[in-house]
Amino acid sequence: MLDKEKLRQHLLKIFVDELDRQVESLRDAMTALREGNPAVRQEQIEIARRAAHSLKGAARSAGVPEIQKSALQVERAFAEVHDGRRSVDSLDFPLLYAAADAFAAAGQDLRAGRPVAGTRVEQVFPELEALAEGRVAAPRPTPDNSADAAGRHGAPRVLVVDDADTNRNFIKIVLEAQGYQVLDARDGEDAIGVLNANSVDVILADVNMPRMDGFQLTETVRHSAAWHDLPVILLTGLENPAERARGEQVGASAYLAKGSTDNRSLLATIESFLAA
């Protein structure tokens, strides 16, 4: 006799694996579009549309309507661009990245046996529907993390430091989708210039950069009377115990490995320092 619950769990596992693949394709295509290379624009629009279409169909088959209906709106938005009925510039990329994050988070919830009803994947639907229909949705609220930060310059401000344009732009889009103000710099020396001209609430820096790396930047911040209390979160592509120890030695507030850290963990880390 067929065990319906085992079959359902098996189908959900297949779906979540497919979700991960399509979300990655969607993110990669959107990042390429944001970088503005006209030679690949049409191709990337079609990749994004297909990813959303596949995700919609897989969600329907797996019985996850919350993801299905939001993926449909993403597909509609990219189809409009693909068919020439609207421009790439009309797309709300922070919202679309927030949707991709919501899809990925829903996949993690499904893996853990948690329901996705009422989560961000449902909350983002009205904005996605408005985007697909060319309407203006209500503005997204800024995170309510620090009254002091908000009092100084509006939404909390994060300085993102990374010499890789793709990484820096991706993090910037993710943070802006959550309502943060984002300043960016290509390396530690550029970051010092930004700090001299602006007030920030958190520094998020790659470890390996030319001229001044993340460790040197952290040391400089810790020895500065003006900045020594700023939270500094270091990011690295590899989980290296020696690098982690070096980060602690120079005074890093947190140390995250890119490959093992999802956007929710990164956002939670930032929010923990703003709420302190």
C-alpha atoms as a PDB file:
ATOM      1  CA  MET A   1       0.000   0.000   0.000  1.00  0.00           C
ATOM      2  CA  LEU A   2       1.320   3.441  -0.916  1.00  0.00           C
ATOM      3  CA  ASP A   3       2.318   5.540   2.114  1.00  0.00           C
ATOM      4  CA  LYS A   4       0.920   8.955   1.210  1.00  0.00           C
ATOM      5  CA  GLU A   5       2.923  10.803   3.859  1.00  0.00           C
ATOM      6  CA  LYS A   6       6.210   9.294   2.676  1.00  0.00           C
ATOM      7  CA  LEU A   7       5.307  10.175  -0.892  1.00  0.00           C
ATOM      8  CA  ARG A   8       4.493  13.739   0.135  1.00  0.00           C
ATOM      9  CA  GLN A   9       7.817  14.080   1.942  1.00  0.00           C
ATOM     10  CA  HIS A  10       9.642  12.666  -1.065  1.00  0.00           C
ATOM     11  CA  LEU A  11       7.930  15.143  -3.402  1.00  0.00           C
ATOM     12  CA  LEU A  12       8.734  18.019  -1.049  1.00  0.00           C
ATOM     13  CA  LYS A  13      12.401  17.032  -0.996  1.00  0.00           C
ATOM     14  CA  ILE A  14      12.492  16.985  -4.798  1.00  0.00           C
ATOM     15  CA  PHE A  15      10.735  20.355  -4.840  1.00  0.00           C
ATOM     16  CA  VAL A  16      13.123  22.002  -2.368  1.00  0.00           C
ATOM     17  CA  ASP A  17      16.131  20.792  -4.363  1.00  0.00           C
ATOM     18  CA  GLU A  18      14.555  22.267  -7.492  1.00  0.00           C
ATOM     19  CA  LEU A  19      13.726  25.468  -5.611  1.00  0.00           C
ATOM     20  CA  ASP A  20      17.389  25.909  -4.642  1.00  0.00           C
ATOM     21  CA  ARG A  21      18.483  25.530  -8.274  1.00  0.00           C
ATOM     22  CA  GLN A  22      15.913  27.961  -9.638  1.00  0.00           C
ATOM     23  CA  VAL A  23      16.542  30.584  -6.949  1.00  0.00           C
ATOM     24  CA  GLU A  24      20.254  30.446  -7.727  1.00  0.00           C
ATOM     25  CA  SER A  25      19.515  30.903 -11.444  1.00  0.00           C
ATOM     26  CA  LEU A  26      17.172  33.799 -10.675  1.00  0.00           C
ATOM     27  CA  ARG A  27      19.717  35.546  -8.466  1.00  0.00           C
ATOM     28  CA  ASP A  28      22.545  35.074 -10.970  1.00  0.00           C
ATOM     29  CA  ALA A  29      20.429  36.455 -13.809  1.00  0.00           C
ATOM     30  CA  MET A  30      19.340  39.493 -11.776  1.00  0.00           C
ATOM     31  CA  THR A  31      22.908  40.235 -10.723  1.00  0.00           C
ATOM     32  CA  ALA A  32      24.023  40.100 -14.373  1.00  0.00           C
ATOM     33  CA  LEU A  33      21.170  42.444 -15.315  1.00  0.00           C
ATOM     34  CA  ARG A  34      22.112  44.881 -12.559  1.00  0.00           C
ATOM     35  CA  GLU A  35      25.695  44.958 -13.811  1.00  0.00           C
ATOM     36  CA  GLY A  36      24.272  46.363 -17.024  1.00  0.00           C
ATOM     37  CA  ASN A  37      26.027  44.398 -19.793  1.00  0.00           C
ATOM     38  CA  PRO A  38      23.752  44.986 -22.824  1.00  0.00           C
ATOM     39  CA  ALA A  39      25.259  42.005 -24.688  1.00  0.00           C
ATOM     40  CA  VAL A  40      23.716  39.510 -22.261  1.00  0.00           C
ATOM     41  CA  ARG A  41      20.636  41.461 -21.162  1.00  0.00           C
ATOM     42  CA  GLN A  42      18.014  39.633 -23.230  1.00  0.00           C
ATOM     43  CA  GLU A  43      19.520  36.248 -22.387  1.00  0.00           C
ATOM     44  CA  GLN A  44      19.490  36.992 -18.658  1.00  0.00           C
ATOM     45  CA  ILE A  45      15.910  38.268 -18.790  1.00  0.00           C
ATOM     46  CA  GLU A  46      14.862  34.959 -20.339  1.00  0.00           C
ATOM     47  CA  ILE A  47      16.864  32.971 -17.755  1.00  0.00           C
ATOM     48  CA  ALA A  48      15.132  34.870 -14.942  1.00  0.00           C
ATOM     49  CA  ARG A  49      11.709  34.353 -16.522  1.00  0.00           C
ATOM     50  CA  ARG A  50      12.331  30.618 -17.003  1.00  0.00           C
ATOM     51  CA  ALA A  51      13.591  30.230 -13.428  1.00  0.00           C
ATOM     52  CA  ALA A  52      10.436  31.846 -12.040  1.00  0.00           C
ATOM     53  CA  HIS A  53       8.276  29.769 -14.415  1.00  0.00           C
ATOM     54  CA  SER A  54       9.956  26.508 -13.340  1.00  0.00           C
ATOM     55  CA  LEU A  55       9.653  27.450  -9.687  1.00  0.00           C
ATOM     56  CA  LYS A  56       5.958  28.225 -10.145  1.00  0.00           C
ATOM     57  CA  GLY A  57       5.304  24.849 -11.809  1.00  0.00           C
ATOM     58  CA  ALA A  58       7.312  22.905  -9.243  1.00  0.00           C
ATOM     59  CA  ALA A  59       5.485  24.646  -6.385  1.00  0.00           C
ATOM     60  CA  ARG A  60       2.136  23.791  -7.964  1.00  0.00           C
ATOM     61  CA  SER A  61       3.113  20.128  -8.296  1.00  0.00           C
ATOM     62  CA  ALA A  62       4.376  20.019  -4.705  1.00  0.00           C
ATOM     63  CA  GLY A  63       1.249  21.712  -3.341  1.00  0.00           C
ATOM     64  CA  VAL A  64       2.924  24.885  -2.058  1.00  0.00           C
ATOM     65  CA  PRO A  65       0.577  27.665  -3.257  1.00  0.00           C
ATOM     66  CA  GLU A  66       2.346  30.387  -1.259  1.00  0.00           C
ATOM     67  CA  ILE A  67       5.454  29.993  -3.412  1.00  0.00           C
ATOM     68  CA  GLN A  68       3.484  29.272  -6.579  1.00  0.00           C
ATOM     69  CA  LYS A  69       1.546  32.555  -6.566  1.00  0.00           C
ATOM     70  CA  SER A  70       4.574  34.715  -5.749  1.00  0.00           C
ATOM     71  CA  ALA A  71       6.721  32.973  -8.386  1.00  0.00           C
ATOM     72  CA  LEU A  72       3.949  33.665 -10.909  1.00  0.00           C
ATOM     73  CA  GLN A  73       4.241  37.412 -10.272  1.00  0.00           C
ATOM     74  CA  VAL A  74       8.021  37.312 -10.747  1.00  0.00           C
ATOM     75  CA  GLU A  75       7.520  35.406 -14.002  1.00  0.00           C
ATOM     76  CA  ARG A  76       4.954  37.970 -15.174  1.00  0.00           C
ATOM     77  CA  ALA A  77       7.310  40.883 -14.477  1.00  0.00           C
ATOM     78  CA  PHE A  78      10.188  39.357 -16.448  1.00  0.00           C
ATOM     79  CA  ALA A  79       7.853  38.239 -19.254  1.00  0.00           C
ATOM     80  CA  GLU A  80       6.730  41.861 -19.655  1.00  0.00           C
ATOM     81  CA  VAL A  81      10.358  42.932 -20.055  1.00  0.00           C
ATOM     82  CA  HIS A  82      11.162  40.007 -22.348  1.00  0.00           C
ATOM     83  CA  ASP A  83       8.256  40.910 -24.646  1.00  0.00           C
ATOM     84  CA  GLY A  84       9.210  44.583 -24.748  1.00  0.00           C
ATOM     85  CA  ARG A  85       6.167  45.840 -22.841  1.00  0.00           C
ATOM     86  CA  ARG A  86       8.309  47.410 -20.115  1.00  0.00           C
ATOM     87  CA  SER A  87      11.968  48.290 -19.519  1.00  0.00           C
ATOM     88  CA  VAL A  88      14.516  46.601 -17.274  1.00  0.00           C
ATOM     89  CA  ASP A  89      14.820  49.889 -15.388  1.00  0.00           C
ATOM     90  CA  SER A  90      11.157  49.634 -14.373  1.00  0.00           C
ATOM     91  CA  LEU A  91      11.852  46.500 -12.325  1.00  0.00           C
ATOM     92  CA  ASP A  92      12.166  46.837  -8.556  1.00  0.00           C
ATOM     93  CA  PHE A  93      15.327  44.780  -8.073  1.00  0.00           C
ATOM     94  CA  PRO A  94      15.476  45.130  -4.270  1.00  0.00           C
ATOM     95  CA  LEU A  95      11.959  43.673  -4.170  1.00  0.00           C
ATOM     96  CA  LEU A  96      12.889  40.869  -6.590  1.00  0.00           C
ATOM     97  CA  TYR A  97      15.964  39.994  -4.516  1.00  0.00           C
ATOM     98  CA  ALA A  98      13.787  40.025  -1.402  1.00  0.00           C
ATOM     99  CA  ALA A  99      11.459  37.598  -3.178  1.00  0.00           C
ATOM    100  CA  ALA A 100      14.383  35.295  -4.028  1.00  0.00           C
ATOM    101  CA  ASP A 101      15.452  35.405  -0.372  1.00  0.00           C
ATOM    102  CA  ALA A 102      11.876  34.620   0.668  1.00  0.00           C
ATOM    103  CA  PHE A 103      11.777  31.615  -1.689  1.00  0.00           C
ATOM    104  CA  ALA A 104      15.082  30.327  -0.275  1.00  0.00           C
ATOM    105  CA  ALA A 105      13.897  30.842   3.308  1.00  0.00           C
ATOM    106  CA  ALA A 106      10.668  28.997   2.527  1.00  0.00           C
ATOM    107  CA  GLY A 107      12.742  26.104   1.203  1.00  0.00           C
ATOM    108  CA  GLN A 108      14.636  25.947   4.492  1.00  0.00           C
ATOM    109  CA  ASP A 109      11.346  25.988   6.375  1.00  0.00           C
ATOM    110  CA  LEU A 110      10.030  23.097   4.272  1.00  0.00           C
ATOM    111  CA  ARG A 111      13.219  21.108   4.873  1.00  0.00           C
ATOM    112  CA  ALA A 112      12.765  21.601   8.610  1.00  0.00           C
ATOM    113  CA  GLY A 113       9.095  20.602   8.446  1.00  0.00           C
ATOM    114  CA  ARG A 114       7.856  24.123   9.181  1.00  0.00           C
ATOM    115  CA  PRO A 115       4.848  25.669   7.391  1.00  0.00           C
ATOM    116  CA  VAL A 116       5.446  28.522   4.960  1.00  0.00           C
ATOM    117  CA  ALA A 117       2.007  30.095   5.396  1.00  0.00           C
ATOM    118  CA  GLY A 118       2.349  33.545   6.939  1.00  0.00           C
ATOM    119  CA  THR A 119       6.065  33.816   6.263  1.00  0.00           C
ATOM    120  CA  ARG A 120       7.883  36.385   4.118  1.00  0.00           C
ATOM    121  CA  VAL A 121       7.043  34.483   0.931  1.00  0.00           C
ATOM    122  CA  GLU A 122       3.383  35.367   1.532  1.00  0.00           C
ATOM    123  CA  GLN A 123       4.103  38.849   2.849  1.00  0.00           C
ATOM    124  CA  VAL A 124       5.986  39.843  -0.298  1.00  0.00           C
ATOM    125  CA  PHE A 125       3.147  38.757  -2.614  1.00  0.00           C
ATOM    126  CA  PRO A 126       1.165  42.064  -2.697  1.00  0.00           C
ATOM    127  CA  GLU A 127       4.298  43.978  -3.711  1.00  0.00           C
ATOM    128  CA  LEU A 128       5.157  41.421  -6.394  1.00  0.00           C
ATOM    129  CA  GLU A 129       1.624  41.539  -7.734  1.00  0.00           C
ATOM    130  CA  ALA A 130       1.780  45.346  -7.886  1.00  0.00           C
ATOM    131  CA  LEU A 131       5.128  45.126  -9.709  1.00  0.00           C
ATOM    132  CA  ALA A 132       3.779  42.644 -12.249  1.00  0.00           C
ATOM    133  CA  GLU A 133       0.739  44.834 -12.889  1.00  0.00           C
ATOM    134  CA  GLY A 134       2.714  48.080 -13.079  1.00  0.00           C
ATOM    135  CA  ARG A 135       1.133  49.477  -9.937  1.00  0.00           C
ATOM    136  CA  VAL A 136       2.938  51.145  -7.020  1.00  0.00           C
ATOM    137  CA  ALA A 137       2.770  49.130  -3.829  1.00  0.00           C
ATOM    138  CA  ALA A 138       2.887  50.601  -0.350  1.00  0.00           C
ATOM    139  CA  PRO A 139       6.474  51.390   0.644  1.00  0.00           C
ATOM    140  CA  ARG A 140       8.380  48.730   2.572  1.00  0.00           C
ATOM    141  CA  PRO A 141       9.056  49.647   6.187  1.00  0.00           C
ATOM    142  CA  THR A 142      12.617  50.183   7.326  1.00  0.00           C
ATOM    143  CA  PRO A 143      13.876  47.806  10.028  1.00  0.00           C
ATOM    144  CA  ASP A 144      13.082  48.994  13.548  1.00  0.00           C
ATOM    145  CA  ASN A 145      16.435  48.119  15.059  1.00  0.00           C
ATOM    146  CA  SER A 146      17.996  51.183  16.632  1.00  0.00           C
ATOM    147  CA  ALA A 147      16.286  54.388  17.602  1.00  0.00           C
ATOM    148  CA  ASP A 148      19.647  56.108  17.975  1.00  0.00           C
ATOM    149  CA  ALA A 149      20.757  55.073  14.488  1.00  0.00           C
ATOM    150  CA  ALA A 150      17.469  56.129  12.953  1.00  0.00           C
ATOM    151  CA  GLY A 151      17.655  59.440  14.774  1.00  0.00           C
ATOM    152  CA  ARG A 152      21.056  60.253  13.278  1.00  0.00           C
ATOM    153  CA  HIS A 153      20.490  59.563   9.611  1.00  0.00           C
ATOM    154  CA  GLY A 154      17.208  57.792   9.006  1.00  0.00           C
ATOM    155  CA  ALA A 155      17.437  54.042   8.391  1.00  0.00           C
ATOM    156  CA  PRO A 156      20.466  52.188   9.817  1.00  0.00           C
ATOM    157  CA  ARG A 157      23.473  52.590   7.544  1.00  0.00           C
ATOM    158  CA  VAL A 158      25.795  49.726   6.576  1.00  0.00           C
ATOM    159  CA  LEU A 159      29.176  50.129   4.904  1.00  0.00           C
ATOM    160  CA  VAL A 160      29.855  47.154   2.592  1.00  0.00           C
ATOM    161  CA  VAL A 161      33.513  46.658   1.683  1.00  0.00           C
ATOM    162  CA  ASP A 162      34.469  44.114  -0.999  1.00  0.00           C
ATOM    163  CA  ASP A 163      36.756  44.300  -4.030  1.00  0.00           C
ATOM    164  CA  ALA A 164      34.483  41.943  -6.029  1.00  0.00           C
ATOM    165  CA  ASP A 165      31.786  44.020  -7.743  1.00  0.00           C
ATOM    166  CA  THR A 166      29.323  41.117  -7.950  1.00  0.00           C
ATOM    167  CA  ASN A 167      29.601  40.280  -4.240  1.00  0.00           C
ATOM    168  CA  ARG A 168      29.396  43.908  -3.195  1.00  0.00           C
ATOM    169  CA  ASN A 169      26.392  44.658  -5.406  1.00  0.00           C
ATOM    170  CA  PHE A 170      24.564  41.511  -4.324  1.00  0.00           C
ATOM    171  CA  ILE A 171      24.957  42.312  -0.614  1.00  0.00           C
ATOM    172  CA  LYS A 172      23.940  45.900  -1.283  1.00  0.00           C
ATOM    173  CA  ILE A 173      20.727  44.796  -2.992  1.00  0.00           C
ATOM    174  CA  VAL A 174      19.887  42.341  -0.195  1.00  0.00           C
ATOM    175  CA  LEU A 175      20.354  45.022   2.476  1.00  0.00           C
ATOM    176  CA  GLU A 176      18.478  47.718   0.572  1.00  0.00           C
ATOM    177  CA  ALA A 177      15.575  45.285   0.170  1.00  0.00           C
ATOM    178  CA  GLN A 178      15.347  45.237   3.970  1.00  0.00           C
ATOM    179  CA  GLY A 179      15.298  49.032   4.193  1.00  0.00           C
ATOM    180  CA  TYR A 180      18.931  49.701   5.110  1.00  0.00           C
ATOM    181  CA  GLN A 181      20.958  52.573   3.735  1.00  0.00           C
ATOM    182  CA  VAL A 182      24.081  51.122   2.109  1.00  0.00           C
ATOM    183  CA  LEU A 183      27.436  52.739   1.393  1.00  0.00           C
ATOM    184  CA  ASP A 184      30.106  50.722  -0.372  1.00  0.00           C
ATOM    185  CA  ALA A 185      33.854  50.630  -0.917  1.00  0.00           C
ATOM    186  CA  ARG A 186      36.213  48.475  -2.980  1.00  0.00           C
ATOM    187  CA  ASP A 187      38.848  47.909  -0.272  1.00  0.00           C
ATOM    188  CA  GLY A 188      39.949  49.062   3.170  1.00  0.00           C
ATOM    189  CA  GLU A 189      41.556  52.274   1.957  1.00  0.00           C
ATOM    190  CA  ASP A 190      38.386  53.311   0.129  1.00  0.00           C
ATOM    191  CA  ALA A 191      36.407  52.396   3.258  1.00  0.00           C
ATOM    192  CA  ILE A 192      38.480  54.792   5.373  1.00  0.00           C
ATOM    193  CA  GLY A 193      37.589  57.554   2.935  1.00  0.00           C
ATOM    194  CA  VAL A 194      33.901  56.688   3.230  1.00  0.00           C
ATOM    195  CA  LEU A 195      34.124  56.667   7.043  1.00  0.00           C
ATOM    196  CA  ASN A 196      35.810  60.052   7.059  1.00  0.00           C
ATOM    197  CA  ALA A 197      32.919  61.546   5.094  1.00  0.00           C
ATOM    198  CA  ASN A 198      29.924  59.639   6.538  1.00  0.00           C
ATOM    199  CA  SER A 199      28.518  58.197   9.749  1.00  0.00           C
ATOM    200  CA  VAL A 200      27.725  54.461   9.613  1.00  0.00           C
ATOM    201  CA  ASP A 201      26.260  51.949  12.054  1.00  0.00           C
ATOM    202  CA  VAL A 202      27.875  48.673  10.908  1.00  0.00           C
ATOM    203  CA  ILE A 203      30.828  47.730   8.703  1.00  0.00           C
ATOM    204  CA  LEU A 204      30.552  44.544   6.641  1.00  0.00           C
ATOM    205  CA  ALA A 205      33.932  43.730   5.076  1.00  0.00           C
ATOM    206  CA  ASP A 206      35.521  40.994   3.005  1.00  0.00           C
ATOM    207  CA  VAL A 207      38.776  39.615   4.409  1.00  0.00           C
ATOM    208  CA  ASN A 208      40.862  39.305   1.249  1.00  0.00           C
ATOM    209  CA  MET A 209      41.185  42.652  -0.551  1.00  0.00           C
ATOM    210  CA  PRO A 210      44.033  44.596  -2.197  1.00  0.00           C
ATOM    211  CA  ARG A 211      45.791  47.583  -0.588  1.00  0.00           C
ATOM    212  CA  MET A 212      44.096  47.237   2.836  1.00  0.00           C
ATOM    213  CA  ASP A 213      42.424  43.927   3.698  1.00  0.00           C
ATOM    214  CA  GLY A 214      39.617  43.300   6.170  1.00  0.00           C
ATOM    215  CA  PHE A 215      41.970  42.602   9.077  1.00  0.00           C
ATOM    216  CA  GLN A 216      43.888  45.835   8.512  1.00  0.00           C
ATOM    217  CA  LEU A 217      40.646  47.776   8.177  1.00  0.00           C
ATOM    218  CA  THR A 218      39.408  46.317  11.471  1.00  0.00           C
ATOM    219  CA  GLU A 219      42.666  47.258  13.207  1.00  0.00           C
ATOM    220  CA  THR A 220      42.408  50.803  11.859  1.00  0.00           C
ATOM    221  CA  VAL A 221      38.818  51.126  13.075  1.00  0.00           C
ATOM    222  CA  ARG A 222      39.681  49.780  16.538  1.00  0.00           C
ATOM    223  CA  HIS A 223      42.569  52.258  16.926  1.00  0.00           C
ATOM    224  CA  SER A 224      40.430  55.223  15.908  1.00  0.00           C
ATOM    225  CA  ALA A 225      38.872  57.386  18.603  1.00  0.00           C
ATOM    226  CA  ALA A 226      35.954  58.148  16.280  1.00  0.00           C
ATOM    227  CA  TRP A 227      35.178  54.620  15.108  1.00  0.00           C
ATOM    228  CA  HIS A 228      36.520  52.186  17.711  1.00  0.00           C
ATOM    229  CA  ASP A 229      33.043  51.118  18.878  1.00  0.00           C
ATOM    230  CA  LEU A 230      31.694  50.397  15.373  1.00  0.00           C
ATOM    231  CA  PRO A 231      30.644  46.767  14.824  1.00  0.00           C
ATOM    232  CA  VAL A 232      32.842  45.165  12.157  1.00  0.00           C
ATOM    233  CA  ILE A 233      31.576  41.940  10.568  1.00  0.00           C
ATOM    234  CA  LEU A 234      34.206  40.123   8.509  1.00  0.00           C
ATOM    235  CA  LEU A 235      33.249  37.869   5.584  1.00  0.00           C
ATOM    236  CA  THR A 236      35.443  35.262   3.955  1.00  0.00           C
ATOM    237  CA  GLY A 237      34.971  32.715   1.204  1.00  0.00           C
ATOM    238  CA  LEU A 238      36.517  29.912   3.276  1.00  0.00           C
ATOM    239  CA  GLU A 239      35.983  28.722   6.858  1.00  0.00           C
ATOM    240  CA  ASN A 240      39.587  29.005   8.063  1.00  0.00           C
ATOM    241  CA  PRO A 241      40.322  28.633  11.807  1.00  0.00           C
ATOM    242  CA  ALA A 242      43.541  30.647  11.504  1.00  0.00           C
ATOM    243  CA  GLU A 243      41.730  33.516   9.791  1.00  0.00           C
ATOM    244  CA  ARG A 244      38.959  33.411  12.381  1.00  0.00           C
ATOM    245  CA  ALA A 245      41.565  33.653  15.154  1.00  0.00           C
ATOM    246  CA  ARG A 246      43.194  36.579  13.368  1.00  0.00           C
ATOM    247  CA  GLY A 247      39.815  38.280  13.097  1.00  0.00           C
ATOM    248  CA  GLU A 248      39.226  37.910  16.832  1.00  0.00           C
ATOM    249  CA  GLN A 249      42.739  39.189  17.520  1.00  0.00           C
ATOM    250  CA  VAL A 250      42.231  42.419  15.581  1.00  0.00           C
ATOM    251  CA  GLY A 251      38.828  43.040  17.168  1.00  0.00           C
ATOM    252  CA  ALA A 252      36.249  41.846  14.631  1.00  0.00           C
ATOM    253  CA  SER A 253      32.760  41.830  16.109  1.00  0.00           C
ATOM    254  CA  ALA A 254      31.722  38.760  14.087  1.00  0.00           C
ATOM    255  CA  TYR A 255      33.248  36.498  11.475  1.00  0.00           C
ATOM    256  CA  LEU A 256      31.059  34.793   8.858  1.00  0.00           C
ATOM    257  CA  ALA A 257      32.003  32.281   6.150  1.00  0.00           C
ATOM    258  CA  LYS A 258      30.246  33.206   2.889  1.00  0.00           C
ATOM    259  CA  GLY A 259      29.639  29.639   1.795  1.00  0.00           C
ATOM    260  CA  SER A 260      27.924  28.606   5.026  1.00  0.00           C
ATOM    261  CA  THR A 261      25.978  31.811   5.710  1.00  0.00           C
ATOM    262  CA  ASP A 262      22.572  32.511   4.176  1.00  0.00           C
ATOM    263  CA  ASN A 263      21.047  35.964   3.935  1.00  0.00           C
ATOM    264  CA  ARG A 264      18.862  35.446   6.986  1.00  0.00           C
ATOM    265  CA  SER A 265      21.930  34.701   9.149  1.00  0.00           C
ATOM    266  CA  LEU A 266      23.729  37.751   7.783  1.00  0.00           C
ATOM    267  CA  LEU A 267      20.729  40.003   8.434  1.00  0.00           C
ATOM    268  CA  ALA A 268      20.263  38.567  11.921  1.00  0.00           C
ATOM    269  CA  THR A 269      23.916  39.277  12.721  1.00  0.00           C
ATOM    270  CA  ILE A 270      23.620  42.883  11.552  1.00  0.00           C
ATOM    271  CA  GLU A 271      20.378  43.371  13.456  1.00  0.00           C
ATOM    272  CA  SER A 272      21.921  41.970  16.657  1.00  0.00           C
ATOM    273  CA  PHE A 273      24.518  44.739  16.675  1.00  0.00           C
ATOM    274  CA  LEU A 274      22.020  47.470  15.850  1.00  0.00           C
ATOM    275  CA  ALA A 275      19.782  46.348  18.699  1.00  0.00           C
ATOM    276  CA  ALA A 276      22.641  46.221  21.219  1.00  0.00           C
END
